[in-house]
C-alpha atoms as a PDB file:
ATOM      1  CA  MET A   1       6.743 -15.624  -4.170  1.00  0.00           C
ATOM      2  CA  ASN A   2       3.636 -13.611  -3.248  1.00  0.00           C
ATOM      3  CA  SER A   3       3.577  -9.837  -3.530  1.00  0.00           C
ATOM      4  CA  LEU A   4       3.614  -9.224   0.230  1.00  0.00           C
ATOM      5  CA  THR A   5       6.786 -11.297   0.650  1.00  0.00           C
ATOM      6  CA  LEU A   6       8.350  -9.607  -2.353  1.00  0.00           C
ATOM      7  CA  ARG A   7       7.521  -6.149  -0.974  1.00  0.00           C
ATOM      8  CA  LYS A   8       9.073  -7.012   2.394  1.00  0.00           C
ATOM      9  CA  LYS A   9      12.252  -8.299   0.744  1.00  0.00           C
ATOM     10  CA  LEU A  10      12.523  -5.162  -1.384  1.00  0.00           C
ATOM     11  CA  HIS A  11      11.915  -2.894   1.632  1.00  0.00           C
ATOM     12  CA  ASN A  12      14.599  -4.696   3.618  1.00  0.00           C
ATOM     13  CA  TYR A  13      17.048  -4.458   0.722  1.00  0.00           C
ATOM     14  CA  ILE A  14      16.340  -0.769   0.073  1.00  0.00           C
ATOM     15  CA  ASP A  15      16.746   0.038   3.778  1.00  0.00           C
ATOM     16  CA  SER A  16      20.300  -1.362   3.776  1.00  0.00           C
ATOM     17  CA  VAL A  17      21.604  -0.749   0.238  1.00  0.00           C
ATOM     18  CA  GLU A  18      24.470   1.600  -0.650  1.00  0.00           C
ATOM     19  CA  GLN A  19      23.694   5.078  -2.028  1.00  0.00           C
ATOM     20  CA  ASP A  20      24.721   4.360  -5.634  1.00  0.00           C
ATOM     21  CA  LYS A  21      22.481   1.275  -5.858  1.00  0.00           C
ATOM     22  CA  LEU A  22      19.646   3.182  -4.215  1.00  0.00           C
ATOM     23  CA  GLU A  23      19.937   5.930  -6.829  1.00  0.00           C
ATOM     24  CA  ALA A  24      19.945   3.324  -9.625  1.00  0.00           C
ATOM     25  CA  ILE A  25      16.785   1.709  -8.252  1.00  0.00           C
ATOM     26  CA  TYR A  26      15.137   5.114  -7.978  1.00  0.00           C
ATOM     27  CA  THR A  27      16.090   5.992 -11.553  1.00  0.00           C
ATOM     28  CA  ILE A  28      14.457   2.792 -12.811  1.00  0.00           C
ATOM     29  CA  LEU A  29      11.263   3.263 -10.811  1.00  0.00           C
ATOM     30  CA  LYS A  30      10.757   7.037 -10.652  1.00  0.00           C
ATOM     31  CA  ASN A  31       8.502   7.247 -13.719  1.00  0.00           C
ATOM     32  CA  ASP A  32       6.100   4.727 -12.171  1.00  0.00           C
ATOM     33  CA  MET A  33       6.001   6.419  -8.775  1.00  0.00           C
ATOM     34  CA  VAL A  34       2.976   8.461  -7.732  1.00  0.00           C
ATOM     35  CA  GLU A  35       3.315  11.051  -5.021  1.00  0.00           C
ATOM     36  CA  ASP A  36       0.921  10.602  -2.105  1.00  0.00           C
ATOM     37  CA  SER A  37       1.069  14.294  -1.189  1.00  0.00           C
ATOM     38  CA  PHE A  38      -2.699  14.431  -0.774  1.00  0.00           C
ATOM     39  CA  LEU A  39      -2.467  11.998   2.164  1.00  0.00           C
ATOM     40  CA  THR A  40      -1.132  12.809   5.596  1.00  0.00           C
ATOM     41  CA  LEU A  41       1.488  10.475   7.049  1.00  0.00           C
ATOM     42  CA  ASP A  42      -1.119   8.983   9.410  1.00  0.00           C
ATOM     43  CA  GLN A  43      -3.551   8.413   6.527  1.00  0.00           C
ATOM     44  CA  LYS A  44      -0.813   6.703   4.491  1.00  0.00           C
ATOM     45  CA  LYS A  45       0.083   4.448   7.445  1.00  0.00           C
ATOM     46  CA  GLU A  46      -3.578   3.477   7.912  1.00  0.00           C
ATOM     47  CA  LEU A  47      -3.953   2.755   4.204  1.00  0.00           C
ATOM     48  CA  ASP A  48      -0.780   0.639   4.217  1.00  0.00           C
ATOM     49  CA  LEU A  49      -2.043  -1.273   7.263  1.00  0.00           C
ATOM     50  CA  ARG A  50      -5.403  -1.948   5.608  1.00  0.00           C
ATOM     51  CA  LEU A  51      -3.691  -3.054   2.399  1.00  0.00           C
ATOM     52  CA  GLU A  52      -1.469  -5.464   4.325  1.00  0.00           C
ATOM     53  CA  GLU A  53      -4.503  -6.889   6.159  1.00  0.00           C
ATOM     54  CA  TYR A  54      -6.308  -7.271   2.844  1.00  0.00           C
ATOM     55  CA  MET A  55      -3.320  -9.026   1.257  1.00  0.00           C
ATOM     56  CA  LEU A  56      -3.159 -11.408   4.237  1.00  0.00           C
ATOM     57  CA  GLY A  57      -6.914 -12.090   4.079  1.00  0.00           C
ATOM     58  CA  LYS A  58      -7.508 -10.452   7.466  1.00  0.00           C
ATOM     59  CA  GLY A  59     -10.004  -7.799   8.455  1.00  0.00           C
ATOM     60  CA  LYS A  60     -13.427  -7.093   6.994  1.00  0.00           C
ATOM     61  CA  ASN A  61     -13.557  -6.362   3.287  1.00  0.00           C
ATOM     62  CA  TYR A  62     -16.702  -5.369   1.421  1.00  0.00           C
ATOM     63  CA  SER A  63     -17.837  -5.998  -2.125  1.00  0.00           C
ATOM     64  CA  TRP A  64     -19.235  -3.032  -4.048  1.00  0.00           C
ATOM     65  CA  ASN A  65     -22.804  -4.258  -3.404  1.00  0.00           C
ATOM     66  CA  GLU A  66     -22.162  -4.670   0.332  1.00  0.00           C
ATOM     67  CA  ALA A  67     -20.603  -1.209   0.599  1.00  0.00           C
ATOM     68  CA  PHE A  68     -23.487   0.334  -1.332  1.00  0.00           C
ATOM     69  CA  ALA A  69     -26.035  -1.378   0.958  1.00  0.00           C
ATOM     70  CA  VAL A  70     -24.272  -0.077   4.093  1.00  0.00           C
ATOM     71  CA  ILE A  71     -24.134   3.461   2.692  1.00  0.00           C
ATOM     72  CA  LYS A  72     -27.746   3.327   1.577  1.00  0.00           C
ATOM     73  CA  THR A  73     -28.874   2.063   5.018  1.00  0.00           C
ATOM     74  CA  ASN A  74     -26.956   4.773   6.863  1.00  0.00           C
ATOM     75  CA  LEU A  75     -28.299   7.574   4.680  1.00  0.00           C
ATOM     76  CA  VAL A  76     -31.919   6.709   5.474  1.00  0.00           C
END
């Protein structure tokens, strides 16, 4: 099962699970969780959308060299 499918299954399960199971899942995962407080909700949504597109092989993705060339060109 690929990670995108796994994430969707987990999201669906978490959205419908009972409170006690939800708390147990949170207890297991809370030490690995990183707060995204430095991102606004809109920024987080955009980042999630771009990640999903990347995982599905959609959209334009750049290598480090391509990104550097674009930046270098636009600074001149």
